[in-house]
Amino acid sequence: MSRAHGFAPVANADAVVLVLGSMPGKASLAARQYYAHPRNSFWPIMGELFGAQPGLPYEKRLQILKSSGIALWDVLASCTRSSSLDSHIEEGSIIPNDFESFFLCHPNIKRVFFNGTKAEQCFRRYVRPSLTRRSFPYQRLPSTSPANAGMSYGEKLNAWRIVGQRSLSPVADPDQEDR
C-alpha cells in the first residue's frame, strides 16, 4: 500500500461554502483533479447547480465554482489505503489537513458540506477537536462516488441542491453528538 497525498484547496478568499471529501481516489490522484472518476456524480451535479458541466475544461469548472462562492478540499492531507474506497483507509495512517489556517484565510465560510460519511467522520474525529471555531454549521450529503450505488443520480442531485441555495437555513452544530 502506498501513501496517498491530497490536493491543495480550491477556494477564493471570499468563499462562503466549503465542500469536503475524504481523500481523492486513484483516478483523481492520477489526473490531479478533484472528482475525476468518470462515474462520480460530483461534476454532473455541479453542472446542474452552477453550470460547471463535466464537459468543460477542469480549470473552467473550478473557476465557475470559485466564482459561485464554493470551495473544495478534503479532510485528509494524506493516508494509506489499498484502493480508492474510503473503507480501505487505514485509520492509523490519517493525517488531516490544516483547517485552522484554512478558516483563518477564508473567514466568510458559512457552511461546510461533507461529500459522504467518511469525510464527516474524519472531520469530527481528527479536525473538530482542535478547531477554535467549534460551532461551525455543517451537513453531510450523500457521497457522489460511484461506490454509493444505493442512491440514484436524481436522489443525489436533490440532496445536493442545498449547496446552491443562497439563503441557507441553520443545520446541525458539530458539537452535537446526535448524528
Protein backbone atom coordinates (compact mmCIF):
# COMPACT_ATOMS: atom_id res chain seq x y z
CA MET A 1 0.00 0.00 0.00
CA SER A 2 1.18 3.46 -0.77
CA ARG A 3 0.58 6.76 0.97
CA ALA A 4 -1.88 9.00 -0.86
CA HIS A 5 -1.47 12.76 -0.65
CA GLY A 6 -4.40 15.08 -1.32
CA PHE A 7 -4.61 18.34 -3.21
CA ALA A 8 -4.44 21.96 -2.18
CA PRO A 9 -7.79 23.60 -1.52
CA VAL A 10 -9.61 25.25 -4.39
CA ALA A 11 -11.02 28.48 -2.98
CA ASN A 12 -11.26 32.21 -3.39
CA ALA A 13 -10.68 34.23 -0.24
CA ASP A 14 -14.39 35.20 -0.22
CA ALA A 15 -15.74 31.60 -0.41
CA VAL A 16 -18.91 31.05 1.63
CA VAL A 17 -19.37 27.27 1.24
CA LEU A 18 -16.78 24.54 1.71
CA VAL A 19 -17.35 21.10 0.19
CA LEU A 20 -15.15 18.44 1.77
CA GLY A 21 -14.38 14.97 0.52
CA SER A 22 -12.29 12.46 2.44
CA MET A 23 -9.32 11.84 0.10
CA PRO A 24 -9.11 11.84 -3.71
CA GLY A 25 -9.48 8.40 -5.28
CA LYS A 26 -6.92 6.82 -7.56
CA ALA A 27 -8.47 8.27 -10.75
CA SER A 28 -8.43 11.75 -9.23
CA LEU A 29 -4.86 11.39 -7.98
CA ALA A 30 -3.71 10.19 -11.40
CA ALA A 31 -5.49 13.06 -13.17
CA ARG A 32 -4.56 15.60 -10.44
CA GLN A 33 -8.21 16.69 -10.43
CA TYR A 34 -10.94 16.61 -7.83
CA TYR A 35 -13.65 14.03 -8.62
CA ALA A 36 -12.03 12.75 -11.82
CA HIS A 37 -13.60 9.28 -11.87
CA PRO A 38 -15.91 9.27 -14.92
CA ARG A 39 -18.81 7.76 -12.94
CA ASN A 40 -18.55 10.15 -10.00
CA SER A 41 -21.66 12.34 -9.87
CA PHE A 42 -19.91 15.42 -8.46
CA TRP A 43 -19.32 17.30 -11.72
CA PRO A 44 -22.70 16.46 -13.25
CA ILE A 45 -24.32 17.76 -10.05
CA MET A 46 -22.15 20.90 -10.07
CA GLY A 47 -23.14 21.33 -13.70
CA GLU A 48 -26.82 21.28 -12.76
CA LEU A 49 -26.37 23.62 -9.80
CA PHE A 50 -23.75 26.10 -11.03
CA GLY A 51 -23.06 25.43 -14.71
CA ALA A 52 -19.74 23.63 -14.02
CA GLN A 53 -20.57 20.94 -16.58
CA PRO A 54 -18.27 17.90 -16.75
CA GLY A 55 -17.60 18.61 -20.44
CA LEU A 56 -15.92 21.91 -19.64
CA PRO A 57 -12.17 22.03 -19.07
CA TYR A 58 -11.28 21.29 -15.45
CA GLU A 59 -9.86 24.77 -14.79
CA LYS A 60 -13.06 26.36 -16.13
CA ARG A 61 -15.17 24.17 -13.79
CA LEU A 62 -13.04 25.25 -10.85
CA GLN A 63 -13.35 28.88 -11.89
CA ILE A 64 -17.15 28.57 -12.00
CA LEU A 65 -17.29 27.04 -8.53
CA LYS A 66 -14.95 29.66 -7.07
CA SER A 67 -16.96 32.49 -8.63
CA SER A 68 -20.08 30.90 -7.09
CA GLY A 69 -18.52 31.07 -3.62
CA ILE A 70 -17.80 27.34 -3.44
CA ALA A 71 -14.51 25.98 -2.09
CA LEU A 72 -13.33 22.37 -2.50
CA TRP A 73 -10.95 20.43 -0.30
CA ASP A 74 -10.56 17.14 1.51
CA VAL A 75 -10.45 16.38 5.20
CA LEU A 76 -7.31 14.28 4.84
CA ALA A 77 -3.93 15.62 3.80
CA SER A 78 -2.63 12.06 3.46
CA CYS A 79 -3.39 8.47 4.35
CA THR A 80 -2.59 4.91 3.39
CA ARG A 81 -5.19 2.78 1.66
CA SER A 82 -5.27 -0.25 -0.63
CA SER A 83 -7.90 1.08 -3.06
CA SER A 84 -9.98 4.18 -3.74
CA LEU A 85 -12.64 3.07 -1.28
CA ASP A 86 -12.98 5.13 1.89
CA SER A 87 -13.45 1.90 3.82
CA HIS A 88 -9.87 0.94 2.90
CA ILE A 89 -8.29 3.97 4.57
CA GLU A 90 -6.04 2.81 7.39
CA GLU A 91 -7.14 4.82 10.42
CA GLY A 92 -3.66 4.88 11.95
CA SER A 93 -2.23 6.49 8.82
CA ILE A 94 -4.54 9.51 8.72
CA ILE A 95 -3.07 13.00 8.67
CA PRO A 96 -5.73 15.73 8.45
CA ASN A 97 -5.43 19.00 6.60
CA ASP A 98 -4.81 22.26 8.47
CA PHE A 99 -8.33 23.63 8.86
CA GLU A 100 -7.44 26.20 11.48
CA SER A 101 -5.30 28.02 8.89
CA PHE A 102 -7.86 27.46 6.14
CA PHE A 103 -10.68 29.03 8.15
CA LEU A 104 -8.46 31.96 9.15
CA CYS A 105 -7.74 32.62 5.45
CA HIS A 106 -11.40 32.07 4.47
CA PRO A 107 -13.40 33.88 7.17
CA ASN A 108 -16.58 34.09 5.07
CA ILE A 109 -17.21 30.33 5.09
CA LYS A 110 -20.75 29.96 6.39
CA ARG A 111 -21.36 26.25 5.78
CA VAL A 112 -19.42 23.05 5.38
CA PHE A 113 -20.86 20.18 3.37
CA PHE A 114 -19.34 16.71 3.55
CA ASN A 115 -19.32 14.57 0.43
CA GLY A 116 -20.23 11.36 2.20
CA THR A 117 -19.96 9.72 5.59
CA LYS A 118 -16.20 9.15 5.76
CA ALA A 119 -15.45 12.84 5.20
CA GLU A 120 -17.76 13.77 8.08
CA GLN A 121 -16.43 11.04 10.37
CA CYS A 122 -12.81 12.04 9.77
CA PHE A 123 -13.60 15.72 10.29
CA ARG A 124 -15.37 15.01 13.57
CA ARG A 125 -12.59 12.75 14.83
CA TYR A 126 -9.39 14.36 13.53
CA VAL A 127 -10.22 18.03 12.91
CA ARG A 128 -13.07 19.32 15.04
CA PRO A 129 -11.44 18.72 18.44
CA SER A 130 -8.58 21.08 17.57
CA LEU A 131 -10.63 23.87 15.98
CA THR A 132 -11.01 27.06 17.95
CA ARG A 133 -14.15 27.90 15.94
CA ARG A 134 -16.17 25.00 17.31
CA SER A 135 -19.75 25.92 16.45
CA PHE A 136 -19.34 25.65 12.72
CA PRO A 137 -22.55 24.55 10.92
CA TYR A 138 -22.17 21.61 8.60
CA GLN A 139 -24.14 18.93 6.82
CA ARG A 140 -23.33 15.51 5.42
CA LEU A 141 -24.57 14.94 1.88
CA PRO A 142 -24.72 11.61 0.07
CA SER A 143 -21.44 10.60 -1.47
CA THR A 144 -21.17 11.34 -5.17
CA SER A 145 -18.86 8.34 -5.54
CA PRO A 146 -19.90 5.53 -7.88
CA ALA A 147 -19.46 3.26 -4.83
CA ASN A 148 -22.63 4.89 -3.45
CA ALA A 149 -24.82 2.88 -5.80
CA GLY A 150 -27.73 2.74 -3.34
CA MET A 151 -28.92 6.18 -4.46
CA SER A 152 -29.94 7.25 -7.92
CA TYR A 153 -28.39 10.29 -9.56
CA GLY A 154 -31.69 12.14 -9.11
CA GLU A 155 -31.73 11.43 -5.37
CA LYS A 156 -28.15 12.64 -5.03
CA LEU A 157 -28.90 15.77 -7.07
CA ASN A 158 -31.94 16.59 -4.92
CA ALA A 159 -29.91 16.23 -1.73
CA TRP A 160 -27.08 18.38 -3.12
CA ARG A 161 -29.42 21.22 -4.15
CA ILE A 162 -28.91 22.76 -0.71
CA VAL A 163 -25.34 23.70 -1.72
CA GLY A 164 -26.78 26.05 -4.34
CA GLN A 165 -29.22 27.76 -2.01
CA ARG A 166 -28.23 31.33 -1.31
CA SER A 167 -30.25 31.69 1.88
CA LEU A 168 -29.04 28.72 3.85
CA SER A 169 -31.07 27.62 6.84
CA PRO A 170 -29.33 26.55 10.04
CA VAL A 171 -28.09 22.98 10.24
CA ALA A 172 -26.64 20.81 12.96
CA ASP A 173 -23.90 22.19 15.14
CA PRO A 174 -20.79 19.98 15.03
CA ASP A 175 -20.75 19.92 18.84
CA GLN A 176 -23.98 17.95 18.84
CA GLU A 177 -23.39 14.23 19.03
CA ASP A 178 -26.77 13.08 17.71
CA ARG A 179 -25.62 12.34 14.18
